[in-house]
Amino acid sequence: MNRNTIAAGLMALMLSLTARAEPVIPAGGDCGLARDPLRCQALQKARGACKEKRGSARQKCVQEKLPAPDCTRDKDRIRCEARHVAQEACKGKTGKEKRSCLRDLELAGGARVPVTK
């Protein structure tokens, strides 16, 4: 295996984890059971505000209305902050262009941010 293959595999894994970063709303919609109840409520509110839209327009609407995640309570705070910085840097891009932007930031180390207290 060459380095490019390994790097591509790691990036695919990281992008799939990023896609799953959205908080899961428990069955029944009870945010009191969610890992991050405030984020769950914000997600429900954003989805309600964007329910008339479909596809990528809906996804963009929800992302715009959803507040930034609270990285202070995350297990891996540096990774959470780095993901947020990368998402902000690649805002407005979609599809392959966005994936490429996120990948380039991660490989260049540009998404890494220092821990703030």
C-alpha atoms as a PDB file:
ATOM      1  CA  MET A   1       0.000   0.000   0.000  1.00  0.00           C
ATOM      2  CA  ASN A   2       1.302   3.410  -0.801  1.00  0.00           C
ATOM      3  CA  ARG A   3       0.904   6.570   1.261  1.00  0.00           C
ATOM      4  CA  ASN A   4      -1.791   8.016  -1.013  1.00  0.00           C
ATOM      5  CA  THR A   5      -3.993   4.964  -0.581  1.00  0.00           C
ATOM      6  CA  ILE A   6      -3.640   5.088   3.194  1.00  0.00           C
ATOM      7  CA  ALA A   7      -4.275   8.844   3.279  1.00  0.00           C
ATOM      8  CA  ALA A   8      -7.361   8.467   1.080  1.00  0.00           C
ATOM      9  CA  GLY A   9      -8.700   5.717   3.329  1.00  0.00           C
ATOM     10  CA  LEU A  10      -8.155   7.788   6.462  1.00  0.00           C
ATOM     11  CA  MET A  11      -9.836  10.810   4.894  1.00  0.00           C
ATOM     12  CA  ALA A  12     -12.839   8.712   3.854  1.00  0.00           C
ATOM     13  CA  LEU A  13     -13.116   7.501   7.436  1.00  0.00           C
ATOM     14  CA  MET A  14     -12.801  11.031   8.846  1.00  0.00           C
ATOM     15  CA  LEU A  15     -15.414  12.405   6.452  1.00  0.00           C
ATOM     16  CA  SER A  16     -17.822   9.628   7.369  1.00  0.00           C
ATOM     17  CA  LEU A  17     -17.305  10.447  11.059  1.00  0.00           C
ATOM     18  CA  THR A  18     -17.911  14.129  10.322  1.00  0.00           C
ATOM     19  CA  ALA A  19     -21.175  13.233   8.644  1.00  0.00           C
ATOM     20  CA  ARG A  20     -22.225  11.413  11.813  1.00  0.00           C
ATOM     21  CA  ALA A  21     -21.336  14.342  14.042  1.00  0.00           C
ATOM     22  CA  GLU A  22     -24.926  15.542  13.950  1.00  0.00           C
ATOM     23  CA  PRO A  23     -26.584  14.663  17.256  1.00  0.00           C
ATOM     24  CA  VAL A  24     -29.031  11.792  17.136  1.00  0.00           C
ATOM     25  CA  ILE A  25     -32.553  12.564  18.285  1.00  0.00           C
ATOM     26  CA  PRO A  26     -33.733   9.650  20.427  1.00  0.00           C
ATOM     27  CA  ALA A  27     -36.839   7.693  19.462  1.00  0.00           C
ATOM     28  CA  GLY A  28     -39.918   9.664  20.419  1.00  0.00           C
ATOM     29  CA  GLY A  29     -38.041  12.942  20.046  1.00  0.00           C
ATOM     30  CA  ASP A  30     -37.250  13.240  23.769  1.00  0.00           C
ATOM     31  CA  CYS A  31     -34.142  15.416  23.903  1.00  0.00           C
ATOM     32  CA  GLY A  32     -33.799  14.739  27.625  1.00  0.00           C
ATOM     33  CA  LEU A  33     -32.342  11.343  26.661  1.00  0.00           C
ATOM     34  CA  ALA A  34     -29.880  12.762  24.128  1.00  0.00           C
ATOM     35  CA  ARG A  35     -26.120  13.000  24.713  1.00  0.00           C
ATOM     36  CA  ASP A  36     -26.333  16.798  24.278  1.00  0.00           C
ATOM     37  CA  PRO A  37     -29.926  17.880  25.065  1.00  0.00           C
ATOM     38  CA  LEU A  38     -29.416  21.551  24.115  1.00  0.00           C
ATOM     39  CA  ARG A  39     -27.986  20.643  20.709  1.00  0.00           C
ATOM     40  CA  CYS A  40     -30.820  18.141  20.207  1.00  0.00           C
ATOM     41  CA  GLN A  41     -33.409  20.852  20.869  1.00  0.00           C
ATOM     42  CA  ALA A  42     -31.620  23.274  18.536  1.00  0.00           C
ATOM     43  CA  LEU A  43     -31.561  20.589  15.827  1.00  0.00           C
ATOM     44  CA  GLN A  44     -35.287  19.931  16.211  1.00  0.00           C
ATOM     45  CA  LYS A  45     -35.984  23.664  15.984  1.00  0.00           C
ATOM     46  CA  ALA A  46     -33.774  24.039  12.878  1.00  0.00           C
ATOM     47  CA  ARG A  47     -35.420  21.047  11.177  1.00  0.00           C
ATOM     48  CA  GLY A  48     -38.850  22.504  11.926  1.00  0.00           C
ATOM     49  CA  ALA A  49     -37.869  25.856  10.417  1.00  0.00           C
ATOM     50  CA  CYS A  50     -36.568  24.152   7.257  1.00  0.00           C
ATOM     51  CA  LYS A  51     -39.267  21.499   6.800  1.00  0.00           C
ATOM     52  CA  GLU A  52     -40.643  23.093   3.619  1.00  0.00           C
ATOM     53  CA  LYS A  53     -37.290  22.668   1.819  1.00  0.00           C
ATOM     54  CA  ARG A  54     -35.911  19.491   0.252  1.00  0.00           C
ATOM     55  CA  GLY A  55     -32.535  17.982  -0.542  1.00  0.00           C
ATOM     56  CA  SER A  56     -29.408  20.071  -0.384  1.00  0.00           C
ATOM     57  CA  ALA A  57     -31.431  23.266   0.191  1.00  0.00           C
ATOM     58  CA  ARG A  58     -32.849  21.729   3.375  1.00  0.00           C
ATOM     59  CA  GLN A  59     -29.446  20.512   4.509  1.00  0.00           C
ATOM     60  CA  LYS A  60     -27.958  23.982   3.960  1.00  0.00           C
ATOM     61  CA  CYS A  61     -30.872  25.623   5.803  1.00  0.00           C
ATOM     62  CA  VAL A  62     -30.479  23.339   8.841  1.00  0.00           C
ATOM     63  CA  GLN A  63     -26.705  23.913   8.935  1.00  0.00           C
ATOM     64  CA  GLU A  64     -27.200  27.694   8.857  1.00  0.00           C
ATOM     65  CA  LYS A  65     -29.756  27.655  11.675  1.00  0.00           C
ATOM     66  CA  LEU A  66     -27.898  25.180  13.866  1.00  0.00           C
ATOM     67  CA  PRO A  67     -25.532  26.781  16.417  1.00  0.00           C
ATOM     68  CA  ALA A  68     -21.916  25.663  16.656  1.00  0.00           C
ATOM     69  CA  PRO A  69     -21.329  22.597  18.831  1.00  0.00           C
ATOM     70  CA  ASP A  70     -20.183  23.072  22.413  1.00  0.00           C
ATOM     71  CA  CYS A  71     -16.712  21.538  22.352  1.00  0.00           C
ATOM     72  CA  THR A  72     -16.096  22.174  26.058  1.00  0.00           C
ATOM     73  CA  ARG A  73     -17.937  18.954  26.969  1.00  0.00           C
ATOM     74  CA  ASP A  74     -16.596  16.819  24.123  1.00  0.00           C
ATOM     75  CA  LYS A  75     -14.303  13.884  24.956  1.00  0.00           C
ATOM     76  CA  ASP A  76     -11.809  15.017  22.298  1.00  0.00           C
ATOM     77  CA  ARG A  77     -12.023  18.785  22.535  1.00  0.00           C
ATOM     78  CA  ILE A  78      -9.181  19.502  20.106  1.00  0.00           C
ATOM     79  CA  ARG A  79     -10.713  17.299  17.421  1.00  0.00           C
ATOM     80  CA  CYS A  80     -14.138  18.893  17.947  1.00  0.00           C
ATOM     81  CA  GLU A  81     -12.702  22.405  17.608  1.00  0.00           C
ATOM     82  CA  ALA A  82     -10.630  21.399  14.578  1.00  0.00           C
ATOM     83  CA  ARG A  83     -13.716  19.937  12.893  1.00  0.00           C
ATOM     84  CA  HIS A  84     -15.633  23.149  13.570  1.00  0.00           C
ATOM     85  CA  VAL A  85     -12.826  25.319  12.162  1.00  0.00           C
ATOM     86  CA  ALA A  86     -12.619  23.133   9.030  1.00  0.00           C
ATOM     87  CA  GLN A  87     -16.405  23.283   8.533  1.00  0.00           C
ATOM     88  CA  GLU A  88     -16.331  27.081   8.809  1.00  0.00           C
ATOM     89  CA  ALA A  89     -13.397  27.364   6.397  1.00  0.00           C
ATOM     90  CA  CYS A  90     -15.192  25.221   3.806  1.00  0.00           C
ATOM     91  CA  LYS A  91     -18.603  26.858   4.274  1.00  0.00           C
ATOM     92  CA  GLY A  92     -20.419  27.554   1.014  1.00  0.00           C
ATOM     93  CA  LYS A  93     -18.797  24.647  -0.805  1.00  0.00           C
ATOM     94  CA  THR A  94     -20.679  21.470  -1.638  1.00  0.00           C
ATOM     95  CA  GLY A  95     -20.047  17.959  -2.888  1.00  0.00           C
ATOM     96  CA  LYS A  96     -16.589  17.102  -4.150  1.00  0.00           C
ATOM     97  CA  GLU A  97     -15.380  20.657  -3.666  1.00  0.00           C
ATOM     98  CA  LYS A  98     -16.293  20.577   0.056  1.00  0.00           C
ATOM     99  CA  ARG A  99     -14.806  17.124   0.597  1.00  0.00           C
ATOM    100  CA  SER A 100     -11.605  18.259  -1.107  1.00  0.00           C
ATOM    101  CA  CYS A 101     -11.475  21.400   1.057  1.00  0.00           C
ATOM    102  CA  LEU A 102     -11.955  19.406   4.270  1.00  0.00           C
ATOM    103  CA  ARG A 103      -9.373  16.835   3.184  1.00  0.00           C
ATOM    104  CA  ASP A 104      -6.812  19.505   2.268  1.00  0.00           C
ATOM    105  CA  LEU A 105      -7.262  21.271   5.609  1.00  0.00           C
ATOM    106  CA  GLU A 106      -6.808  18.054   7.538  1.00  0.00           C
ATOM    107  CA  LEU A 107      -3.757  16.918   5.565  1.00  0.00           C
ATOM    108  CA  ALA A 108      -2.164  20.353   5.828  1.00  0.00           C
ATOM    109  CA  GLY A 109      -2.908  20.525   9.530  1.00  0.00           C
ATOM    110  CA  GLY A 110      -4.776  23.776   8.968  1.00  0.00           C
ATOM    111  CA  ALA A 111      -7.807  22.605  10.907  1.00  0.00           C
ATOM    112  CA  ARG A 112      -5.843  22.090  14.081  1.00  0.00           C
ATOM    113  CA  VAL A 113      -6.520  24.683  16.746  1.00  0.00           C
ATOM    114  CA  PRO A 114      -5.058  25.157  20.219  1.00  0.00           C
ATOM    115  CA  VAL A 115      -7.147  24.265  23.268  1.00  0.00           C
ATOM    116  CA  THR A 116      -8.778  27.344  24.757  1.00  0.00           C
ATOM    117  CA  LYS A 117     -10.037  27.551  28.302  1.00  0.00           C
END
